[in-house]
Amino acid sequence: MKQSIIFALLLLAFSNLQAAADAVAGKNKSAVCGTCHGTDGNSINPAWPSLAGQNQNYLSKQLTHFRDGNRKNMTMSPMAAALTDQDIADLSAYYTSLSAKAGTTKEKFVELGSKIYTGGVSGVLACTACHGPKGAGLDAAGFPKIAGQKIQYTINQLNDFKNGSRNNASNSMMNDIAAKMNDEQIEAVANYLSGLH
């Protein structure tokens, strides 16, 4: 019961943050972000994530984690250091409002990638449980949209979860999952997600 109340309060807090968010202000604040993430939120560098259409709660959480040191990155940590809560809300609202460009999946990755994503394999839980059948994530829970994401970025993140250099997922859930994945499985899932839409 106590956990249910806490969860409800967290959802209410996120709802209030979203209500106060201003996508137009976020667009004005995003000029420097476009250098890496694309002027339309679709990154052209395979190692940097596309932010267009990403879930708002997830973006807010990640920017806050970069700012507060719960997630570390040589580029993003200093970029987020000066952001206020309002800046984070506005930027998140702006990037959520943009349209993501769909990627593609090479045929050789479809079978294994689909198998892991939809049903899981050898101790690796199915990705659909948290990210949904189309990879749209679950915004209320803060689970990211992963469909259409850059392949190399996804590979890098899964490896960072696997080796523990990224550990800001709820209950270390992604660390536990990625730790059971081998390189072939990581590559297959990353490629599969690129074309999932």
N, C-alpha and C. Protein backbone atom coordinates (compact mmCIF):
# COMPACT_ATOMS: atom_id res chain seq x y z
N MET A 1 0.82 -1.19 0.00
CA MET A 1 0.00 0.00 0.00
C MET A 1 0.87 1.26 0.00
N LYS A 2 1.88 1.26 0.87
CA LYS A 2 2.77 2.41 0.97
C LYS A 2 3.48 2.66 -0.37
N GLN A 3 3.91 1.57 -1.03
CA GLN A 3 4.59 1.71 -2.33
C GLN A 3 3.65 2.27 -3.38
N SER A 4 2.38 1.89 -3.34
CA SER A 4 1.40 2.39 -4.29
C SER A 4 1.21 3.89 -4.14
N ILE A 5 1.19 4.36 -2.90
CA ILE A 5 1.03 5.79 -2.64
C ILE A 5 2.24 6.55 -3.14
N ILE A 6 3.42 6.02 -2.87
CA ILE A 6 4.65 6.67 -3.33
C ILE A 6 4.68 6.73 -4.85
N PHE A 7 4.32 5.63 -5.52
CA PHE A 7 4.30 5.59 -6.99
C PHE A 7 3.30 6.62 -7.53
N ALA A 8 2.13 6.72 -6.89
CA ALA A 8 1.12 7.68 -7.33
C ALA A 8 1.62 9.11 -7.18
N LEU A 9 2.32 9.38 -6.09
CA LEU A 9 2.88 10.72 -5.88
C LEU A 9 3.95 11.04 -6.90
N LEU A 10 4.78 10.05 -7.26
CA LEU A 10 5.80 10.26 -8.28
C LEU A 10 5.16 10.57 -9.63
N LEU A 11 4.13 9.82 -9.98
CA LEU A 11 3.43 10.08 -11.25
C LEU A 11 2.82 11.48 -11.25
N LEU A 12 2.26 11.89 -10.11
CA LEU A 12 1.68 13.22 -10.01
C LEU A 12 2.76 14.28 -10.17
N ALA A 13 3.92 14.06 -9.56
CA ALA A 13 5.03 15.01 -9.68
C ALA A 13 5.47 15.13 -11.13
N PHE A 14 5.58 13.98 -11.83
CA PHE A 14 5.97 14.02 -13.24
C PHE A 14 4.89 14.72 -14.07
N SER A 15 3.62 14.50 -13.74
CA SER A 15 2.52 15.15 -14.47
C SER A 15 2.61 16.66 -14.30
N ASN A 16 2.88 17.11 -13.08
CA ASN A 16 3.00 18.54 -12.83
C ASN A 16 4.18 19.12 -13.58
N LEU A 17 5.29 18.36 -13.66
CA LEU A 17 6.47 18.83 -14.39
C LEU A 17 6.13 18.98 -15.87
N GLN A 18 5.39 17.98 -16.41
CA GLN A 18 5.02 18.06 -17.81
C GLN A 18 4.06 19.22 -18.06
N ALA A 19 3.13 19.46 -17.13
CA ALA A 19 2.16 20.52 -17.32
C ALA A 19 2.85 21.88 -17.38
N ALA A 20 3.93 22.02 -16.62
CA ALA A 20 4.65 23.29 -16.58
C ALA A 20 5.63 23.43 -17.74
N ALA A 21 5.86 22.36 -18.47
CA ALA A 21 6.84 22.37 -19.55
C ALA A 21 6.34 23.18 -20.74
N ASP A 22 7.27 23.85 -21.42
CA ASP A 22 6.95 24.70 -22.55
C ASP A 22 7.83 24.29 -23.73
N ALA A 23 7.23 23.61 -24.69
CA ALA A 23 7.98 23.10 -25.85
C ALA A 23 8.57 24.24 -26.68
N VAL A 24 7.88 25.36 -26.78
CA VAL A 24 8.40 26.50 -27.54
C VAL A 24 9.66 27.04 -26.87
N ALA A 25 9.59 27.18 -25.55
CA ALA A 25 10.78 27.62 -24.81
C ALA A 25 11.90 26.58 -24.96
N GLY A 26 11.52 25.30 -24.98
CA GLY A 26 12.50 24.23 -25.16
C GLY A 26 13.20 24.32 -26.50
N LYS A 27 12.45 24.66 -27.53
CA LYS A 27 13.05 24.84 -28.86
C LYS A 27 14.09 25.95 -28.83
N ASN A 28 13.76 27.04 -28.17
CA ASN A 28 14.70 28.17 -28.07
C ASN A 28 15.95 27.80 -27.28
N LYS A 29 15.81 26.90 -26.32
CA LYS A 29 16.93 26.49 -25.48
C LYS A 29 17.76 25.37 -26.11
N SER A 30 17.28 24.80 -27.21
CA SER A 30 17.89 23.60 -27.77
C SER A 30 18.99 23.85 -28.81
N ALA A 31 19.29 25.09 -29.09
CA ALA A 31 20.23 25.39 -30.18
C ALA A 31 21.55 24.63 -30.04
N VAL A 32 22.12 24.63 -28.87
CA VAL A 32 23.40 23.95 -28.69
C VAL A 32 23.23 22.43 -28.75
N CYS A 33 22.07 21.92 -28.37
CA CYS A 33 21.79 20.47 -28.39
C CYS A 33 21.81 19.93 -29.81
N GLY A 34 21.35 20.77 -30.75
CA GLY A 34 21.24 20.34 -32.15
C GLY A 34 22.56 19.99 -32.78
N THR A 35 23.65 20.48 -32.23
CA THR A 35 24.97 20.16 -32.77
C THR A 35 25.22 18.67 -32.77
N CYS A 36 24.82 17.99 -31.70
CA CYS A 36 25.03 16.55 -31.60
C CYS A 36 23.78 15.73 -31.92
N HIS A 37 22.62 16.26 -31.52
CA HIS A 37 21.39 15.48 -31.63
C HIS A 37 20.57 15.82 -32.85
N GLY A 38 21.09 16.70 -33.72
CA GLY A 38 20.38 17.09 -34.93
C GLY A 38 19.43 18.24 -34.68
N THR A 39 19.31 19.12 -35.65
CA THR A 39 18.43 20.28 -35.49
C THR A 39 16.96 19.87 -35.38
N ASP A 40 16.64 18.67 -35.88
CA ASP A 40 15.27 18.16 -35.77
C ASP A 40 15.18 17.03 -34.75
N GLY A 41 16.23 16.87 -33.93
CA GLY A 41 16.24 15.83 -32.91
C GLY A 41 16.67 14.47 -33.40
N ASN A 42 17.01 14.36 -34.70
CA ASN A 42 17.47 13.11 -35.28
C ASN A 42 18.97 13.21 -35.53
N SER A 43 19.73 12.53 -34.70
CA SER A 43 21.18 12.60 -34.76
C SER A 43 21.71 12.05 -36.08
N ILE A 44 22.80 12.66 -36.57
CA ILE A 44 23.44 12.13 -37.76
C ILE A 44 24.68 11.32 -37.41
N ASN A 45 25.09 11.36 -36.15
CA ASN A 45 26.24 10.59 -35.68
C ASN A 45 25.73 9.29 -35.07
N PRO A 46 26.22 8.14 -35.52
CA PRO A 46 25.70 6.86 -35.02
C PRO A 46 25.96 6.61 -33.54
N ALA A 47 26.89 7.33 -32.93
CA ALA A 47 27.20 7.12 -31.52
C ALA A 47 26.40 8.03 -30.59
N TRP A 48 25.66 8.99 -31.17
CA TRP A 48 24.87 9.93 -30.36
C TRP A 48 23.39 9.64 -30.57
N PRO A 49 22.61 9.70 -29.51
CA PRO A 49 21.20 9.32 -29.64
C PRO A 49 20.35 10.36 -30.36
N SER A 50 19.35 9.86 -31.06
CA SER A 50 18.29 10.72 -31.55
C SER A 50 17.33 10.94 -30.39
N LEU A 51 16.87 12.17 -30.24
CA LEU A 51 15.97 12.52 -29.14
C LEU A 51 14.54 12.77 -29.62
N ALA A 52 14.35 12.94 -30.91
CA ALA A 52 13.02 13.23 -31.45
C ALA A 52 12.04 12.13 -31.09
N GLY A 53 10.91 12.52 -30.51
CA GLY A 53 9.86 11.58 -30.16
C GLY A 53 10.14 10.75 -28.93
N GLN A 54 11.24 11.03 -28.25
CA GLN A 54 11.56 10.27 -27.04
C GLN A 54 10.56 10.61 -25.94
N ASN A 55 10.33 9.68 -25.04
CA ASN A 55 9.37 9.89 -23.96
C ASN A 55 9.84 11.01 -23.02
N GLN A 56 8.90 11.87 -22.66
CA GLN A 56 9.22 13.07 -21.90
C GLN A 56 9.77 12.77 -20.50
N ASN A 57 9.17 11.83 -19.80
CA ASN A 57 9.66 11.50 -18.46
C ASN A 57 11.08 10.95 -18.52
N TYR A 58 11.35 10.13 -19.53
CA TYR A 58 12.69 9.56 -19.67
C TYR A 58 13.72 10.66 -19.95
N LEU A 59 13.40 11.56 -20.87
CA LEU A 59 14.32 12.66 -21.16
C LEU A 59 14.59 13.51 -19.91
N SER A 60 13.53 13.82 -19.19
CA SER A 60 13.68 14.61 -17.96
C SER A 60 14.58 13.89 -16.96
N LYS A 61 14.35 12.60 -16.80
CA LYS A 61 15.15 11.82 -15.86
C LYS A 61 16.61 11.81 -16.27
N GLN A 62 16.89 11.58 -17.55
CA GLN A 62 18.28 11.49 -17.99
C GLN A 62 19.00 12.83 -17.88
N LEU A 63 18.34 13.92 -18.27
CA LEU A 63 18.97 15.23 -18.14
C LEU A 63 19.24 15.56 -16.67
N THR A 64 18.30 15.22 -15.81
CA THR A 64 18.49 15.44 -14.37
C THR A 64 19.64 14.60 -13.85
N HIS A 65 19.73 13.35 -14.29
CA HIS A 65 20.82 12.47 -13.86
C HIS A 65 22.17 12.98 -14.35
N PHE A 66 22.24 13.47 -15.58
CA PHE A 66 23.49 14.06 -16.07
C PHE A 66 23.86 15.28 -15.22
N ARG A 67 22.88 16.12 -14.97
CA ARG A 67 23.13 17.34 -14.19
C ARG A 67 23.60 17.02 -12.77
N ASP A 68 22.95 16.04 -12.15
CA ASP A 68 23.21 15.74 -10.74
C ASP A 68 24.32 14.71 -10.52
N GLY A 69 24.89 14.18 -11.61
CA GLY A 69 26.00 13.23 -11.49
C GLY A 69 25.61 11.78 -11.32
N ASN A 70 24.32 11.45 -11.46
CA ASN A 70 23.89 10.05 -11.36
C ASN A 70 24.16 9.28 -12.64
N ARG A 71 24.35 9.99 -13.72
CA ARG A 71 24.78 9.41 -14.99
C ARG A 71 25.91 10.29 -15.50
N LYS A 72 26.98 9.66 -15.91
CA LYS A 72 28.16 10.42 -16.30
C LYS A 72 28.51 10.21 -17.77
N ASN A 73 28.86 11.32 -18.41
CA ASN A 73 29.31 11.29 -19.79
C ASN A 73 30.16 12.53 -20.00
N MET A 74 31.31 12.36 -20.65
CA MET A 74 32.25 13.47 -20.81
C MET A 74 31.64 14.67 -21.51
N THR A 75 30.69 14.43 -22.42
CA THR A 75 30.06 15.53 -23.14
C THR A 75 28.81 16.03 -22.42
N MET A 76 27.93 15.11 -22.06
CA MET A 76 26.63 15.50 -21.53
C MET A 76 26.68 16.02 -20.10
N SER A 77 27.55 15.50 -19.27
CA SER A 77 27.59 15.96 -17.87
C SER A 77 27.85 17.45 -17.78
N PRO A 78 28.88 17.99 -18.47
CA PRO A 78 29.07 19.44 -18.39
C PRO A 78 27.96 20.23 -19.10
N MET A 79 27.38 19.66 -20.16
CA MET A 79 26.31 20.37 -20.87
C MET A 79 25.08 20.54 -19.97
N ALA A 80 24.80 19.53 -19.15
CA ALA A 80 23.60 19.55 -18.31
C ALA A 80 23.82 20.26 -16.97
N ALA A 81 25.05 20.50 -16.62
CA ALA A 81 25.38 21.02 -15.28
C ALA A 81 24.64 22.30 -14.92
N ALA A 82 24.42 23.17 -15.87
CA ALA A 82 23.79 24.47 -15.57
C ALA A 82 22.28 24.48 -15.80
N LEU A 83 21.71 23.36 -16.21
CA LEU A 83 20.28 23.33 -16.51
C LEU A 83 19.45 23.42 -15.23
N THR A 84 18.41 24.23 -15.29
CA THR A 84 17.44 24.29 -14.19
C THR A 84 16.38 23.22 -14.42
N ASP A 85 15.54 23.00 -13.40
CA ASP A 85 14.43 22.06 -13.58
C ASP A 85 13.51 22.52 -14.71
N GLN A 86 13.32 23.83 -14.83
CA GLN A 86 12.47 24.37 -15.91
C GLN A 86 13.10 24.13 -17.27
N ASP A 87 14.42 24.33 -17.38
CA ASP A 87 15.12 24.05 -18.64
C ASP A 87 14.92 22.60 -19.05
N ILE A 88 15.07 21.71 -18.08
CA ILE A 88 14.93 20.28 -18.35
C ILE A 88 13.52 19.95 -18.81
N ALA A 89 12.52 20.52 -18.13
CA ALA A 89 11.13 20.29 -18.51
C ALA A 89 10.86 20.81 -19.92
N ASP A 90 11.36 22.00 -20.23
CA ASP A 90 11.12 22.59 -21.54
C ASP A 90 11.81 21.82 -22.66
N LEU A 91 13.07 21.45 -22.44
CA LEU A 91 13.81 20.68 -23.45
C LEU A 91 13.16 19.33 -23.68
N SER A 92 12.73 18.69 -22.61
CA SER A 92 12.08 17.38 -22.74
C SER A 92 10.79 17.48 -23.52
N ALA A 93 10.00 18.51 -23.23
CA ALA A 93 8.74 18.72 -23.95
C ALA A 93 9.00 18.97 -25.43
N TYR A 94 10.02 19.75 -25.72
CA TYR A 94 10.34 20.05 -27.12
C TYR A 94 10.74 18.79 -27.88
N TYR A 95 11.68 18.03 -27.36
CA TYR A 95 12.15 16.85 -28.09
C TYR A 95 11.05 15.79 -28.21
N THR A 96 10.19 15.70 -27.21
CA THR A 96 9.07 14.76 -27.28
C THR A 96 8.13 15.12 -28.42
N SER A 97 8.02 16.41 -28.71
CA SER A 97 7.07 16.88 -29.73
C SER A 97 7.56 16.66 -31.17
N LEU A 98 8.83 16.31 -31.33
CA LEU A 98 9.39 16.15 -32.67
C LEU A 98 9.15 14.75 -33.23
N SER A 99 9.21 14.63 -34.54
CA SER A 99 9.01 13.34 -35.20
C SER A 99 10.33 12.62 -35.42
N ALA A 100 10.36 11.38 -34.98
CA ALA A 100 11.57 10.56 -35.16
C ALA A 100 11.60 9.98 -36.56
N LYS A 101 12.79 9.87 -37.12
CA LYS A 101 12.96 9.22 -38.42
C LYS A 101 13.19 7.73 -38.19
N ALA A 102 12.48 6.92 -38.95
CA ALA A 102 12.62 5.47 -38.82
C ALA A 102 13.94 5.00 -39.42
N GLY A 103 14.55 4.03 -38.77
CA GLY A 103 15.75 3.41 -39.29
C GLY A 103 15.41 2.13 -40.03
N THR A 104 16.41 1.34 -40.32
CA THR A 104 16.20 0.07 -41.00
C THR A 104 16.96 -1.04 -40.27
N THR A 105 16.60 -2.27 -40.57
CA THR A 105 17.28 -3.43 -40.00
C THR A 105 17.78 -4.31 -41.13
N LYS A 106 19.05 -4.66 -41.10
CA LYS A 106 19.58 -5.59 -42.08
C LYS A 106 18.96 -6.96 -41.84
N GLU A 107 18.67 -7.65 -42.92
CA GLU A 107 17.97 -8.94 -42.84
C GLU A 107 18.66 -9.93 -41.91
N LYS A 108 19.99 -9.92 -41.88
CA LYS A 108 20.71 -10.92 -41.07
C LYS A 108 20.49 -10.76 -39.57
N PHE A 109 19.97 -9.60 -39.13
CA PHE A 109 19.74 -9.38 -37.70
C PHE A 109 18.28 -9.57 -37.28
N VAL A 110 17.39 -9.74 -38.24
CA VAL A 110 15.96 -9.76 -37.93
C VAL A 110 15.58 -10.95 -37.06
N GLU A 111 16.00 -12.16 -37.42
CA GLU A 111 15.56 -13.35 -36.69
C GLU A 111 16.01 -13.33 -35.23
N LEU A 112 17.30 -13.17 -34.99
CA LEU A 112 17.81 -13.19 -33.62
C LEU A 112 17.34 -11.95 -32.85
N GLY A 113 17.39 -10.80 -33.49
CA GLY A 113 16.95 -9.57 -32.83
C GLY A 113 15.50 -9.65 -32.40
N SER A 114 14.64 -10.15 -33.28
CA SER A 114 13.23 -10.30 -32.98
C SER A 114 13.00 -11.31 -31.86
N LYS A 115 13.75 -12.39 -31.90
CA LYS A 115 13.61 -13.44 -30.89
C LYS A 115 13.94 -12.90 -29.50
N ILE A 116 15.03 -12.18 -29.39
CA ILE A 116 15.43 -11.60 -28.10
C ILE A 116 14.43 -10.54 -27.66
N TYR A 117 14.06 -9.66 -28.58
CA TYR A 117 13.19 -8.54 -28.24
C TYR A 117 11.81 -9.01 -27.79
N THR A 118 11.23 -9.94 -28.52
CA THR A 118 9.85 -10.34 -28.24
C THR A 118 9.71 -11.47 -27.23
N GLY A 119 10.69 -12.37 -27.15
CA GLY A 119 10.53 -13.51 -26.26
C GLY A 119 11.66 -13.75 -25.28
N GLY A 120 12.78 -13.06 -25.48
CA GLY A 120 13.93 -13.28 -24.61
C GLY A 120 14.63 -14.60 -24.93
N VAL A 121 15.86 -14.74 -24.47
CA VAL A 121 16.64 -15.97 -24.67
C VAL A 121 17.57 -16.19 -23.49
N SER A 122 17.87 -17.42 -23.20
CA SER A 122 18.86 -17.86 -22.21
C SER A 122 19.06 -16.89 -21.04
N GLY A 123 18.00 -16.66 -20.30
CA GLY A 123 18.10 -15.80 -19.13
C GLY A 123 17.93 -14.32 -19.42
N VAL A 124 17.86 -13.94 -20.68
CA VAL A 124 17.66 -12.53 -21.05
C VAL A 124 16.16 -12.30 -21.23
N LEU A 125 15.60 -11.43 -20.39
CA LEU A 125 14.17 -11.16 -20.46
C LEU A 125 13.80 -10.45 -21.77
N ALA A 126 12.59 -10.67 -22.21
CA ALA A 126 12.09 -10.00 -23.41
C ALA A 126 12.03 -8.50 -23.20
N CYS A 127 12.48 -7.76 -24.18
CA CYS A 127 12.50 -6.29 -24.10
C CYS A 127 11.09 -5.70 -24.11
N THR A 128 10.14 -6.43 -24.72
CA THR A 128 8.77 -5.91 -24.86
C THR A 128 8.11 -5.65 -23.52
N ALA A 129 8.55 -6.33 -22.47
CA ALA A 129 7.92 -6.15 -21.15
C ALA A 129 7.94 -4.69 -20.72
N CYS A 130 9.03 -4.00 -20.98
CA CYS A 130 9.15 -2.59 -20.57
C CYS A 130 9.05 -1.61 -21.73
N HIS A 131 9.50 -2.05 -22.91
CA HIS A 131 9.58 -1.12 -24.04
C HIS A 131 8.44 -1.29 -25.04
N GLY A 132 7.58 -2.28 -24.83
CA GLY A 132 6.40 -2.47 -25.66
C GLY A 132 6.69 -3.14 -26.99
N PRO A 133 5.66 -3.66 -27.65
CA PRO A 133 5.84 -4.41 -28.89
C PRO A 133 6.43 -3.59 -30.03
N LYS A 134 6.20 -2.28 -30.03
CA LYS A 134 6.73 -1.42 -31.09
C LYS A 134 7.92 -0.59 -30.62
N GLY A 135 8.41 -0.86 -29.41
CA GLY A 135 9.58 -0.14 -28.90
C GLY A 135 9.30 1.28 -28.45
N ALA A 136 8.02 1.59 -28.16
CA ALA A 136 7.63 2.94 -27.78
C ALA A 136 7.90 3.26 -26.32
N GLY A 137 8.25 2.26 -25.53
CA GLY A 137 8.52 2.48 -24.11
C GLY A 137 7.24 2.72 -23.33
N LEU A 138 7.40 3.14 -22.09
CA LEU A 138 6.26 3.44 -21.22
C LEU A 138 6.59 4.73 -20.50
N ASP A 139 6.02 5.83 -20.97
CA ASP A 139 6.39 7.15 -20.47
C ASP A 139 6.10 7.30 -18.99
N ALA A 140 4.94 6.82 -18.52
CA ALA A 140 4.58 7.00 -17.12
C ALA A 140 5.60 6.35 -16.19
N ALA A 141 6.20 5.26 -16.63
CA ALA A 141 7.20 4.56 -15.82
C ALA A 141 8.61 5.06 -16.09
N GLY A 142 8.76 5.93 -17.08
CA GLY A 142 10.09 6.45 -17.41
C GLY A 142 10.90 5.52 -18.29
N PHE A 143 10.25 4.53 -18.92
CA PHE A 143 10.96 3.62 -19.81
C PHE A 143 11.07 4.25 -21.19
N PRO A 144 12.26 4.27 -21.78
CA PRO A 144 12.45 5.01 -23.02
C PRO A 144 11.88 4.33 -24.26
N LYS A 145 11.61 5.17 -25.23
CA LYS A 145 11.34 4.69 -26.58
C LYS A 145 12.69 4.26 -27.14
N ILE A 146 12.76 3.05 -27.67
CA ILE A 146 14.04 2.56 -28.21
C ILE A 146 13.94 2.22 -29.69
N ALA A 147 12.74 2.22 -30.23
CA ALA A 147 12.56 1.97 -31.66
C ALA A 147 13.19 3.09 -32.47
N GLY A 148 13.92 2.73 -33.53
CA GLY A 148 14.50 3.71 -34.43
C GLY A 148 15.78 4.35 -33.92
N GLN A 149 16.25 3.93 -32.76
CA GLN A 149 17.45 4.55 -32.19
C GLN A 149 18.69 4.16 -32.99
N LYS A 150 19.72 4.97 -32.90
CA LYS A 150 20.99 4.72 -33.59
C LYS A 150 21.60 3.40 -33.12
N ILE A 151 22.05 2.59 -34.05
CA ILE A 151 22.57 1.25 -33.74
C ILE A 151 23.78 1.33 -32.81
N GLN A 152 24.77 2.14 -33.16
CA GLN A 152 25.98 2.20 -32.34
C GLN A 152 25.69 2.75 -30.96
N TYR A 153 24.78 3.72 -30.88
CA TYR A 153 24.41 4.25 -29.57
C TYR A 153 23.81 3.15 -28.70
N THR A 154 22.90 2.37 -29.26
CA THR A 154 22.27 1.28 -28.50
C THR A 154 23.30 0.26 -28.06
N ILE A 155 24.21 -0.10 -28.97
CA ILE A 155 25.28 -1.04 -28.61
C ILE A 155 26.10 -0.47 -27.45
N ASN A 156 26.46 0.80 -27.55
CA ASN A 156 27.26 1.43 -26.50
C ASN A 156 26.54 1.42 -25.16
N GLN A 157 25.25 1.72 -25.18
CA GLN A 157 24.50 1.76 -23.92
C GLN A 157 24.35 0.38 -23.31
N LEU A 158 24.07 -0.63 -24.13
CA LEU A 158 23.96 -1.99 -23.59
C LEU A 158 25.30 -2.45 -23.01
N ASN A 159 26.39 -2.11 -23.67
CA ASN A 159 27.71 -2.46 -23.14
C ASN A 159 28.02 -1.69 -21.86
N ASP A 160 27.60 -0.43 -21.79
CA ASP A 160 27.81 0.36 -20.56
C ASP A 160 27.00 -0.21 -19.41
N PHE A 161 25.77 -0.64 -19.68
CA PHE A 161 24.99 -1.31 -18.63
C PHE A 161 25.67 -2.62 -18.23
N LYS A 162 26.17 -3.35 -19.22
CA LYS A 162 26.79 -4.65 -18.97
C LYS A 162 28.04 -4.52 -18.10
N ASN A 163 28.88 -3.53 -18.38
CA ASN A 163 30.12 -3.40 -17.61
C ASN A 163 29.96 -2.50 -16.38
N GLY A 164 28.77 -1.95 -16.17
CA GLY A 164 28.49 -1.18 -14.97
C GLY A 164 28.87 0.29 -15.05
N SER A 165 29.41 0.74 -16.18
CA SER A 165 29.76 2.16 -16.28
C SER A 165 28.51 3.05 -16.39
N ARG A 166 27.39 2.46 -16.74
CA ARG A 166 26.10 3.15 -16.64
C ARG A 166 25.24 2.33 -15.70
N ASN A 167 24.74 2.97 -14.66
CA ASN A 167 23.94 2.23 -13.67
C ASN A 167 22.79 3.07 -13.12
N ASN A 168 22.15 3.83 -13.98
CA ASN A 168 21.07 4.69 -13.50
C ASN A 168 19.68 4.18 -13.88
N ALA A 169 19.58 2.90 -14.23
CA ALA A 169 18.27 2.32 -14.50
C ALA A 169 17.61 1.91 -13.19
N SER A 170 16.29 1.93 -13.15
CA SER A 170 15.56 1.55 -11.94
C SER A 170 15.96 0.15 -11.49
N ASN A 171 16.33 0.04 -10.23
CA ASN A 171 16.68 -1.25 -9.61
C ASN A 171 17.77 -2.00 -10.37
N SER A 172 18.64 -1.28 -11.06
CA SER A 172 19.72 -1.91 -11.85
C SER A 172 19.18 -2.93 -12.84
N MET A 173 17.94 -2.74 -13.25
CA MET A 173 17.27 -3.68 -14.14
C MET A 173 18.04 -3.89 -15.45
N MET A 174 18.47 -2.80 -16.08
CA MET A 174 19.17 -2.94 -17.35
C MET A 174 20.57 -3.53 -17.16
N ASN A 175 21.19 -3.27 -16.04
CA ASN A 175 22.50 -3.88 -15.77
C ASN A 175 22.37 -5.39 -15.69
N ASP A 176 21.32 -5.86 -15.01
CA ASP A 176 21.11 -7.30 -14.86
C ASP A 176 20.81 -7.96 -16.20
N ILE A 177 20.03 -7.29 -17.03
CA ILE A 177 19.68 -7.86 -18.34
C ILE A 177 20.89 -7.86 -19.26
N ALA A 178 21.56 -6.72 -19.38
CA ALA A 178 22.70 -6.62 -20.29
C ALA A 178 23.85 -7.54 -19.89
N ALA A 179 24.00 -7.79 -18.60
CA ALA A 179 25.08 -8.66 -18.12
C ALA A 179 24.96 -10.07 -18.67
N LYS A 180 23.76 -10.47 -19.05
CA LYS A 180 23.53 -11.83 -19.57
C LYS A 180 23.60 -11.89 -21.09
N MET A 181 23.83 -10.76 -21.74
CA MET A 181 23.86 -10.72 -23.20
C MET A 181 25.28 -10.81 -23.73
N ASN A 182 25.47 -11.60 -24.79
CA ASN A 182 26.78 -11.64 -25.43
C ASN A 182 26.84 -10.61 -26.56
N ASP A 183 28.00 -10.45 -27.14
CA ASP A 183 28.19 -9.42 -28.17
C ASP A 183 27.26 -9.62 -29.36
N GLU A 184 27.06 -10.87 -29.76
CA GLU A 184 26.18 -11.16 -30.90
C GLU A 184 24.74 -10.74 -30.60
N GLN A 185 24.29 -11.02 -29.40
CA GLN A 185 22.92 -10.67 -29.01
C GLN A 185 22.74 -9.15 -28.93
N ILE A 186 23.74 -8.47 -28.39
CA ILE A 186 23.68 -7.01 -28.30
C ILE A 186 23.62 -6.39 -29.70
N GLU A 187 24.45 -6.89 -30.59
CA GLU A 187 24.46 -6.36 -31.96
C GLU A 187 23.14 -6.62 -32.66
N ALA A 188 22.59 -7.83 -32.47
CA ALA A 188 21.33 -8.18 -33.13
C ALA A 188 20.19 -7.32 -32.62
N VAL A 189 20.09 -7.12 -31.31
CA VAL A 189 19.00 -6.31 -30.74
C VAL A 189 19.13 -4.85 -31.19
N ALA A 190 20.34 -4.32 -31.16
CA ALA A 190 20.56 -2.92 -31.57
C ALA A 190 20.14 -2.70 -33.02
N ASN A 191 20.50 -3.63 -33.89
CA ASN A 191 20.12 -3.53 -35.29
C ASN A 191 18.62 -3.72 -35.47
N TYR A 192 18.05 -4.66 -34.75
CA TYR A 192 16.61 -4.90 -34.84
C TYR A 192 15.82 -3.65 -34.42
N LEU A 193 16.27 -3.01 -33.33
CA LEU A 193 15.57 -1.82 -32.83
C LEU A 193 15.62 -0.68 -33.83
N SER A 194 16.70 -0.56 -34.56
CA SER A 194 16.84 0.53 -35.52
C SER A 194 15.68 0.54 -36.51
N GLY A 195 15.23 -0.64 -36.92
CA GLY A 195 14.17 -0.72 -37.92
C GLY A 195 12.79 -0.99 -37.34
N LEU A 196 12.69 -1.06 -36.02
CA LEU A 196 11.40 -1.34 -35.39
C LEU A 196 10.53 -0.08 -35.39
N HIS A 197 9.35 -0.17 -35.99
CA HIS A 197 8.43 0.97 -36.00
C HIS A 197 7.04 0.51 -36.40
